[in-house]
Amino acid sequence: MVDTQKERYAAAAQEDRSAIRNRISIPATLRPSGSKSFQTAVRDLSLSGFSATAMAPIAPRTMCWLTLPGREDALQAKVAWWDNGLVGCAFEKLLEPMDLDAVMSRWNGDGRSR
């Protein structure tokens, strides 16, 4: 049953990658597994993942946790890629559309809360 859930998520994540990514600048905290958390800026956000600044390389498949301002819980994700100071991650559990809308409506593109 777990494999079926993973397969459904993988298919949904690929489907969502073709959706419009919401470009934004949100101050956040990112903590890769086995490392200390660091301040970052989320550069784009979708139901299936995000990209954010990360000056030090983070290996693909590394588990990480993203904490956005105003959220009590960290969002678990897995690193898909790192390139020249930017990391791309896929959420382990798809973000709810309502949660994505709430984040997008709260933040301007310049990193200031509305």
N, C-alpha and C. Protein backbone atom coordinates (compact mmCIF):
# COMPACT_ATOMS: atom_id res chain seq x y z
N MET A 1 0.82 -1.19 0.00
CA MET A 1 0.00 0.00 0.00
C MET A 1 0.86 1.26 0.00
N VAL A 2 1.96 1.26 0.73
CA VAL A 2 2.83 2.42 0.78
C VAL A 2 3.39 2.72 -0.60
N ASP A 3 3.78 1.67 -1.36
CA ASP A 3 4.31 1.88 -2.70
C ASP A 3 3.27 2.53 -3.59
N THR A 4 2.02 2.13 -3.46
CA THR A 4 0.95 2.72 -4.26
C THR A 4 0.81 4.21 -3.94
N GLN A 5 0.88 4.57 -2.68
CA GLN A 5 0.80 5.97 -2.28
C GLN A 5 1.97 6.76 -2.86
N LYS A 6 3.17 6.19 -2.80
CA LYS A 6 4.34 6.87 -3.35
C LYS A 6 4.19 7.05 -4.87
N GLU A 7 3.67 6.01 -5.54
CA GLU A 7 3.48 6.10 -6.99
C GLU A 7 2.46 7.19 -7.33
N ARG A 8 1.37 7.26 -6.56
CA ARG A 8 0.36 8.31 -6.79
C ARG A 8 0.95 9.69 -6.57
N TYR A 9 1.75 9.82 -5.50
CA TYR A 9 2.37 11.12 -5.23
C TYR A 9 3.31 11.50 -6.36
N ALA A 10 4.14 10.55 -6.79
CA ALA A 10 5.10 10.84 -7.86
C ALA A 10 4.38 11.29 -9.13
N ALA A 11 3.30 10.62 -9.46
CA ALA A 11 2.53 11.00 -10.65
C ALA A 11 1.90 12.38 -10.47
N ALA A 12 1.35 12.64 -9.30
CA ALA A 12 0.73 13.94 -9.04
C ALA A 12 1.77 15.05 -9.04
N ALA A 13 2.93 14.78 -8.47
CA ALA A 13 3.98 15.79 -8.42
C ALA A 13 4.44 16.15 -9.83
N GLN A 14 4.57 15.16 -10.69
CA GLN A 14 4.97 15.44 -12.07
C GLN A 14 3.89 16.23 -12.79
N GLU A 15 2.65 15.90 -12.53
CA GLU A 15 1.53 16.62 -13.12
C GLU A 15 1.55 18.08 -12.66
N ASP A 16 1.79 18.29 -11.36
CA ASP A 16 1.80 19.64 -10.80
C ASP A 16 3.00 20.45 -11.28
N ARG A 17 4.09 19.78 -11.66
CA ARG A 17 5.26 20.52 -12.15
C ARG A 17 4.93 21.26 -13.43
N SER A 18 3.94 20.78 -14.18
CA SER A 18 3.56 21.46 -15.41
C SER A 18 2.66 22.67 -15.11
N ALA A 19 2.19 22.78 -13.89
CA ALA A 19 1.37 23.92 -13.49
C ALA A 19 2.26 25.15 -13.32
N ILE A 20 1.64 26.29 -13.33
CA ILE A 20 2.39 27.53 -13.15
C ILE A 20 2.99 27.58 -11.77
N ARG A 21 4.29 27.83 -11.72
CA ARG A 21 4.97 28.01 -10.45
C ARG A 21 4.76 29.45 -10.03
N ASN A 22 4.44 29.66 -8.77
CA ASN A 22 4.20 31.00 -8.25
C ASN A 22 5.52 31.63 -7.82
N ARG A 23 5.98 32.61 -8.59
CA ARG A 23 7.22 33.31 -8.24
C ARG A 23 6.91 34.26 -7.08
N ILE A 24 7.79 34.20 -6.08
CA ILE A 24 7.55 34.96 -4.86
C ILE A 24 8.87 35.09 -4.11
N SER A 25 8.92 35.94 -3.15
CA SER A 25 10.09 36.04 -2.28
C SER A 25 9.59 36.04 -0.84
N ILE A 26 9.80 34.93 -0.17
CA ILE A 26 9.32 34.77 1.21
C ILE A 26 10.50 34.41 2.10
N PRO A 27 10.75 35.18 3.16
CA PRO A 27 11.79 34.77 4.10
C PRO A 27 11.32 33.51 4.83
N ALA A 28 12.21 32.55 4.96
CA ALA A 28 11.85 31.28 5.58
C ALA A 28 13.09 30.67 6.23
N THR A 29 12.88 29.53 6.87
CA THR A 29 13.97 28.75 7.45
C THR A 29 13.97 27.38 6.81
N LEU A 30 15.15 26.90 6.43
CA LEU A 30 15.30 25.58 5.83
C LEU A 30 16.28 24.77 6.66
N ARG A 31 15.91 23.54 6.99
CA ARG A 31 16.81 22.67 7.76
C ARG A 31 16.99 21.35 7.03
N PRO A 32 18.15 21.15 6.40
CA PRO A 32 18.44 19.85 5.80
C PRO A 32 18.70 18.82 6.90
N SER A 33 18.38 17.58 6.63
CA SER A 33 18.61 16.50 7.58
C SER A 33 20.09 16.46 7.98
N GLY A 34 20.34 16.37 9.28
CA GLY A 34 21.71 16.28 9.78
C GLY A 34 22.44 17.60 9.82
N SER A 35 21.76 18.70 9.54
CA SER A 35 22.41 20.02 9.52
C SER A 35 21.62 21.01 10.37
N LYS A 36 22.23 22.14 10.61
CA LYS A 36 21.53 23.22 11.30
C LYS A 36 20.64 23.95 10.32
N SER A 37 19.59 24.55 10.83
CA SER A 37 18.71 25.34 9.98
C SER A 37 19.39 26.63 9.59
N PHE A 38 18.95 27.21 8.47
CA PHE A 38 19.50 28.48 8.02
C PHE A 38 18.38 29.31 7.40
N GLN A 39 18.61 30.62 7.40
CA GLN A 39 17.65 31.54 6.80
C GLN A 39 17.76 31.44 5.28
N THR A 40 16.62 31.48 4.62
CA THR A 40 16.58 31.37 3.17
C THR A 40 15.50 32.29 2.64
N ALA A 41 15.39 32.35 1.34
CA ALA A 41 14.30 33.06 0.67
C ALA A 41 13.68 32.09 -0.32
N VAL A 42 12.40 31.81 -0.15
CA VAL A 42 11.68 30.95 -1.08
C VAL A 42 11.46 31.77 -2.35
N ARG A 43 11.87 31.23 -3.49
CA ARG A 43 11.80 31.94 -4.77
C ARG A 43 10.59 31.57 -5.60
N ASP A 44 10.13 30.34 -5.46
CA ASP A 44 8.87 29.96 -6.08
C ASP A 44 8.25 28.84 -5.26
N LEU A 45 6.94 28.73 -5.39
CA LEU A 45 6.17 27.82 -4.55
C LEU A 45 5.03 27.24 -5.38
N SER A 46 4.81 25.94 -5.23
CA SER A 46 3.68 25.30 -5.89
C SER A 46 3.11 24.25 -4.94
N LEU A 47 2.08 23.57 -5.39
CA LEU A 47 1.48 22.51 -4.57
C LEU A 47 2.48 21.39 -4.30
N SER A 48 3.43 21.18 -5.23
CA SER A 48 4.33 20.04 -5.11
C SER A 48 5.73 20.37 -4.61
N GLY A 49 6.09 21.66 -4.52
CA GLY A 49 7.44 21.95 -4.07
C GLY A 49 7.78 23.42 -4.12
N PHE A 50 9.08 23.69 -4.03
CA PHE A 50 9.56 25.07 -3.97
C PHE A 50 11.02 25.12 -4.40
N SER A 51 11.48 26.32 -4.69
CA SER A 51 12.92 26.56 -4.81
C SER A 51 13.26 27.67 -3.83
N ALA A 52 14.49 27.63 -3.33
CA ALA A 52 14.92 28.60 -2.32
C ALA A 52 16.42 28.78 -2.41
N THR A 53 16.90 29.87 -1.83
CA THR A 53 18.34 30.10 -1.82
C THR A 53 19.01 29.14 -0.84
N ALA A 54 20.19 28.67 -1.22
CA ALA A 54 21.00 27.79 -0.37
C ALA A 54 22.43 27.90 -0.87
N MET A 55 23.23 28.69 -0.18
CA MET A 55 24.58 28.96 -0.65
C MET A 55 25.47 27.72 -0.67
N ALA A 56 25.33 26.85 0.31
CA ALA A 56 26.11 25.61 0.33
C ALA A 56 25.35 24.52 -0.40
N PRO A 57 26.05 23.68 -1.13
CA PRO A 57 25.38 22.58 -1.84
C PRO A 57 24.63 21.65 -0.89
N ILE A 58 23.48 21.18 -1.34
CA ILE A 58 22.69 20.18 -0.61
C ILE A 58 22.46 19.04 -1.60
N ALA A 59 22.82 17.84 -1.21
CA ALA A 59 22.75 16.69 -2.11
C ALA A 59 21.31 16.32 -2.44
N PRO A 60 21.06 15.92 -3.69
CA PRO A 60 19.73 15.42 -4.05
C PRO A 60 19.33 14.26 -3.14
N ARG A 61 18.05 14.16 -2.88
CA ARG A 61 17.42 13.14 -2.03
C ARG A 61 17.59 13.41 -0.54
N THR A 62 18.24 14.54 -0.17
CA THR A 62 18.35 14.91 1.24
C THR A 62 16.98 15.37 1.73
N MET A 63 16.56 14.86 2.86
CA MET A 63 15.30 15.30 3.46
C MET A 63 15.53 16.65 4.10
N CYS A 64 14.54 17.53 4.02
CA CYS A 64 14.66 18.84 4.65
C CYS A 64 13.29 19.31 5.12
N TRP A 65 13.31 20.37 5.92
CA TRP A 65 12.09 20.93 6.48
C TRP A 65 12.09 22.43 6.25
N LEU A 66 11.01 22.92 5.66
CA LEU A 66 10.85 24.34 5.36
C LEU A 66 9.83 24.93 6.33
N THR A 67 10.22 26.01 7.01
CA THR A 67 9.31 26.70 7.91
C THR A 67 9.04 28.09 7.34
N LEU A 68 7.79 28.33 7.00
CA LEU A 68 7.36 29.63 6.48
C LEU A 68 6.81 30.48 7.62
N PRO A 69 6.98 31.80 7.55
CA PRO A 69 6.43 32.66 8.60
C PRO A 69 4.91 32.48 8.71
N GLY A 70 4.43 32.45 9.92
CA GLY A 70 3.00 32.31 10.14
C GLY A 70 2.51 30.88 10.19
N ARG A 71 3.39 29.92 9.92
CA ARG A 71 3.01 28.49 9.99
C ARG A 71 3.70 27.88 11.19
N GLU A 72 2.96 27.12 11.95
CA GLU A 72 3.54 26.46 13.12
C GLU A 72 4.30 25.21 12.73
N ASP A 73 3.84 24.54 11.69
CA ASP A 73 4.47 23.28 11.30
C ASP A 73 5.44 23.48 10.14
N ALA A 74 6.52 22.70 10.16
CA ALA A 74 7.47 22.72 9.07
C ALA A 74 6.97 21.77 7.98
N LEU A 75 7.24 22.14 6.74
CA LEU A 75 6.84 21.33 5.60
C LEU A 75 8.01 20.42 5.21
N GLN A 76 7.77 19.12 5.22
CA GLN A 76 8.83 18.16 4.90
C GLN A 76 8.96 18.05 3.38
N ALA A 77 10.20 18.05 2.91
CA ALA A 77 10.45 17.97 1.47
C ALA A 77 11.74 17.20 1.22
N LYS A 78 11.94 16.82 -0.04
CA LYS A 78 13.16 16.14 -0.43
C LYS A 78 13.83 16.96 -1.53
N VAL A 79 15.13 17.14 -1.39
CA VAL A 79 15.89 17.91 -2.37
C VAL A 79 15.89 17.18 -3.71
N ALA A 80 15.54 17.91 -4.76
CA ALA A 80 15.57 17.36 -6.12
C ALA A 80 16.85 17.79 -6.84
N TRP A 81 17.29 19.02 -6.56
CA TRP A 81 18.49 19.55 -7.22
C TRP A 81 19.05 20.73 -6.45
N TRP A 82 20.31 21.01 -6.67
CA TRP A 82 20.97 22.21 -6.18
C TRP A 82 21.80 22.75 -7.32
N ASP A 83 21.73 24.06 -7.58
CA ASP A 83 22.48 24.65 -8.67
C ASP A 83 22.84 26.09 -8.35
N ASN A 84 24.12 26.33 -8.17
CA ASN A 84 24.63 27.68 -8.04
C ASN A 84 23.87 28.56 -7.03
N GLY A 85 23.67 28.03 -5.83
CA GLY A 85 23.04 28.81 -4.77
C GLY A 85 21.53 28.72 -4.68
N LEU A 86 20.94 27.84 -5.46
CA LEU A 86 19.50 27.66 -5.44
C LEU A 86 19.20 26.16 -5.29
N VAL A 87 18.25 25.83 -4.41
CA VAL A 87 17.87 24.44 -4.19
C VAL A 87 16.41 24.25 -4.59
N GLY A 88 16.11 23.13 -5.24
CA GLY A 88 14.73 22.78 -5.60
C GLY A 88 14.31 21.55 -4.81
N CYS A 89 13.14 21.62 -4.20
CA CYS A 89 12.66 20.54 -3.34
C CYS A 89 11.23 20.16 -3.68
N ALA A 90 10.92 18.88 -3.50
CA ALA A 90 9.57 18.36 -3.69
C ALA A 90 8.98 18.03 -2.33
N PHE A 91 7.79 18.54 -2.05
CA PHE A 91 7.14 18.24 -0.78
C PHE A 91 6.84 16.75 -0.68
N GLU A 92 7.01 16.20 0.51
CA GLU A 92 6.67 14.79 0.74
C GLU A 92 5.16 14.59 0.69
N LYS A 93 4.42 15.61 1.09
CA LYS A 93 2.96 15.59 1.05
C LYS A 93 2.55 16.86 0.31
N LEU A 94 1.75 16.71 -0.74
CA LEU A 94 1.33 17.87 -1.52
C LEU A 94 0.73 18.95 -0.61
N LEU A 95 1.06 20.18 -0.90
CA LEU A 95 0.49 21.31 -0.18
C LEU A 95 -0.98 21.44 -0.56
N GLU A 96 -1.81 21.71 0.40
CA GLU A 96 -3.23 21.90 0.11
C GLU A 96 -3.42 23.19 -0.68
N PRO A 97 -4.29 23.20 -1.69
CA PRO A 97 -4.53 24.43 -2.46
C PRO A 97 -4.89 25.63 -1.58
N MET A 98 -5.67 25.40 -0.55
CA MET A 98 -6.07 26.46 0.36
C MET A 98 -4.84 27.04 1.08
N ASP A 99 -3.89 26.18 1.47
CA ASP A 99 -2.68 26.64 2.14
C ASP A 99 -1.79 27.44 1.18
N LEU A 100 -1.68 26.97 -0.06
CA LEU A 100 -0.91 27.70 -1.06
C LEU A 100 -1.51 29.08 -1.30
N ASP A 101 -2.82 29.14 -1.44
CA ASP A 101 -3.50 30.43 -1.64
C ASP A 101 -3.27 31.37 -0.47
N ALA A 102 -3.30 30.83 0.75
CA ALA A 102 -3.09 31.66 1.94
C ALA A 102 -1.69 32.26 1.95
N VAL A 103 -0.70 31.45 1.62
CA VAL A 103 0.68 31.95 1.58
C VAL A 103 0.82 32.99 0.49
N MET A 104 0.31 32.70 -0.69
CA MET A 104 0.45 33.62 -1.83
C MET A 104 -0.27 34.94 -1.57
N SER A 105 -1.41 34.88 -0.92
CA SER A 105 -2.15 36.12 -0.67
C SER A 105 -1.51 36.96 0.43
N ARG A 106 -0.70 36.33 1.27
CA ARG A 106 -0.07 37.05 2.38
C ARG A 106 1.19 37.78 1.98
N TRP A 107 1.89 37.30 0.96
CA TRP A 107 3.21 37.84 0.63
C TRP A 107 3.23 38.55 -0.71
N ASN A 108 3.89 39.70 -0.73
CA ASN A 108 4.18 40.40 -1.99
C ASN A 108 5.39 39.74 -2.63
N GLY A 109 5.67 40.05 -3.86
CA GLY A 109 6.85 39.52 -4.52
C GLY A 109 8.16 40.03 -3.96
N ASP A 110 8.13 41.07 -3.13
CA ASP A 110 9.37 41.65 -2.61
C ASP A 110 9.71 41.19 -1.20
N GLY A 111 9.03 40.15 -0.69
CA GLY A 111 9.37 39.61 0.62
C GLY A 111 8.71 40.33 1.78
N ARG A 112 7.80 41.24 1.49
CA ARG A 112 7.09 41.94 2.58
C ARG A 112 5.71 41.32 2.75
N SER A 113 5.34 41.15 4.00
CA SER A 113 4.01 40.63 4.31
C SER A 113 2.97 41.68 3.99
N ARG A 114 1.83 41.23 3.48
CA ARG A 114 0.72 42.17 3.17
C ARG A 114 -0.09 42.45 4.41
